[in-house]
């Protein structure tokens, strides 16, 4: 689990309890979350990486800033 700031540890604890396996938090703050977002975008598509992001990921795109990930509502 990559978390661009705070909030990761409580979420990882809850996810670990729910799925009965550990979730490791790797905080990557900075550059309006772009550092953590970029790492997730470039990680292997094996289902083992989870991005825990806040509003800046959507704000960056709304402002026209090029981001490694896109926010889509499905």
C-alpha atoms as a PDB file:
ATOM      1  CA  UNK A   1       0.000   0.000   0.000  1.00  0.00           C
ATOM      2  CA  UNK A   2       1.479   3.327  -0.991  1.00  0.00           C
ATOM      3  CA  UNK A   3       0.240   6.361   0.835  1.00  0.00           C
ATOM      4  CA  UNK A   4       1.309   9.861  -0.220  1.00  0.00           C
ATOM      5  CA  UNK A   5       1.186  11.186   3.326  1.00  0.00           C
ATOM      6  CA  UNK A   6      -0.800  10.242   6.413  1.00  0.00           C
ATOM      7  CA  UNK A   7      -3.795   7.929   6.750  1.00  0.00           C
ATOM      8  CA  UNK A   8      -2.078   4.783   5.558  1.00  0.00           C
ATOM      9  CA  UNK A   9      -1.402   3.008   8.888  1.00  0.00           C
ATOM     10  CA  UNK A  10      -5.028   2.972  10.143  1.00  0.00           C
ATOM     11  CA  UNK A  11      -6.249   1.867   6.722  1.00  0.00           C
ATOM     12  CA  UNK A  12      -3.629  -0.867   6.453  1.00  0.00           C
ATOM     13  CA  UNK A  13      -4.594  -2.217   9.864  1.00  0.00           C
ATOM     14  CA  UNK A  14      -8.270  -2.438   8.873  1.00  0.00           C
ATOM     15  CA  UNK A  15      -7.431  -4.011   5.494  1.00  0.00           C
ATOM     16  CA  UNK A  16      -5.131  -6.525   7.185  1.00  0.00           C
ATOM     17  CA  UNK A  17      -7.907  -7.545   9.556  1.00  0.00           C
ATOM     18  CA  UNK A  18     -10.451  -7.837   6.739  1.00  0.00           C
ATOM     19  CA  UNK A  19      -8.273  -9.883   4.380  1.00  0.00           C
ATOM     20  CA  UNK A  20      -6.254 -11.784   7.025  1.00  0.00           C
ATOM     21  CA  UNK A  21      -2.920 -10.765   5.559  1.00  0.00           C
ATOM     22  CA  UNK A  22      -0.505  -7.947   6.289  1.00  0.00           C
ATOM     23  CA  UNK A  23      -0.583  -4.654   4.405  1.00  0.00           C
ATOM     24  CA  UNK A  24       2.696  -2.735   4.406  1.00  0.00           C
ATOM     25  CA  UNK A  25       2.488   1.051   4.181  1.00  0.00           C
ATOM     26  CA  UNK A  26       5.113   2.926   2.219  1.00  0.00           C
ATOM     27  CA  UNK A  27       4.598   6.676   2.633  1.00  0.00           C
ATOM     28  CA  UNK A  28       5.740   8.705  -0.369  1.00  0.00           C
ATOM     29  CA  UNK A  29       4.769  12.337   0.290  1.00  0.00           C
ATOM     30  CA  UNK A  30       5.783  15.283  -1.839  1.00  0.00           C
ATOM     31  CA  UNK A  31       5.144  16.973  -5.154  1.00  0.00           C
ATOM     32  CA  UNK A  32       1.379  17.134  -4.505  1.00  0.00           C
ATOM     33  CA  UNK A  33       1.225  13.314  -4.249  1.00  0.00           C
ATOM     34  CA  UNK A  34       2.878  12.879  -7.648  1.00  0.00           C
ATOM     35  CA  UNK A  35       5.788  10.820  -6.245  1.00  0.00           C
ATOM     36  CA  UNK A  36       3.558   8.126  -4.756  1.00  0.00           C
ATOM     37  CA  UNK A  37       1.176   8.209  -7.717  1.00  0.00           C
ATOM     38  CA  UNK A  38       4.058   7.734 -10.142  1.00  0.00           C
ATOM     39  CA  UNK A  39       5.378   4.723  -8.209  1.00  0.00           C
ATOM     40  CA  UNK A  40       1.957   3.076  -8.306  1.00  0.00           C
ATOM     41  CA  UNK A  41       1.507   3.826 -12.004  1.00  0.00           C
ATOM     42  CA  UNK A  42       4.855   2.180 -12.762  1.00  0.00           C
ATOM     43  CA  UNK A  43       4.405  -0.841 -10.460  1.00  0.00           C
ATOM     44  CA  UNK A  44       3.773  -4.316 -11.829  1.00  0.00           C
ATOM     45  CA  UNK A  45       0.073  -4.983 -12.549  1.00  0.00           C
ATOM     46  CA  UNK A  46       0.021  -7.968 -10.180  1.00  0.00           C
ATOM     47  CA  UNK A  47      -2.756  -6.772  -7.877  1.00  0.00           C
ATOM     48  CA  UNK A  48      -0.362  -6.303  -4.943  1.00  0.00           C
ATOM     49  CA  UNK A  49      -0.131  -2.495  -4.973  1.00  0.00           C
ATOM     50  CA  UNK A  50      -2.852  -0.241  -3.616  1.00  0.00           C
ATOM     51  CA  UNK A  51      -2.839   3.551  -3.783  1.00  0.00           C
ATOM     52  CA  UNK A  52      -4.368   5.400  -0.866  1.00  0.00           C
ATOM     53  CA  UNK A  53      -4.685   8.956  -2.166  1.00  0.00           C
ATOM     54  CA  UNK A  54      -6.481  12.131  -1.210  1.00  0.00           C
ATOM     55  CA  UNK A  55      -7.999  15.003  -3.176  1.00  0.00           C
ATOM     56  CA  UNK A  56      -4.809  16.267  -4.880  1.00  0.00           C
ATOM     57  CA  UNK A  57      -4.861  13.334  -7.321  1.00  0.00           C
ATOM     58  CA  UNK A  58      -8.147  14.626  -8.740  1.00  0.00           C
ATOM     59  CA  UNK A  59      -7.248  18.298  -8.356  1.00  0.00           C
ATOM     60  CA  UNK A  60      -4.038  17.886 -10.343  1.00  0.00           C
ATOM     61  CA  UNK A  61      -6.009  16.485 -13.263  1.00  0.00           C
ATOM     62  CA  UNK A  62      -8.699  19.147 -12.982  1.00  0.00           C
ATOM     63  CA  UNK A  63      -5.973  21.800 -13.166  1.00  0.00           C
ATOM     64  CA  UNK A  64      -4.537  20.218 -16.290  1.00  0.00           C
ATOM     65  CA  UNK A  65      -1.363  18.948 -14.607  1.00  0.00           C
ATOM     66  CA  UNK A  66      -0.054  15.840 -16.322  1.00  0.00           C
ATOM     67  CA  UNK A  67      -0.337  12.888 -13.943  1.00  0.00           C
ATOM     68  CA  UNK A  68       0.778   9.251 -14.223  1.00  0.00           C
ATOM     69  CA  UNK A  69      -2.689   8.031 -13.218  1.00  0.00           C
ATOM     70  CA  UNK A  70      -6.152   9.053 -14.311  1.00  0.00           C
ATOM     71  CA  UNK A  71      -9.183   9.342 -12.067  1.00  0.00           C
ATOM     72  CA  UNK A  72     -12.278   7.768 -13.499  1.00  0.00           C
ATOM     73  CA  UNK A  73     -15.666   7.318 -11.981  1.00  0.00           C
ATOM     74  CA  UNK A  74     -17.074   3.923 -12.868  1.00  0.00           C
END
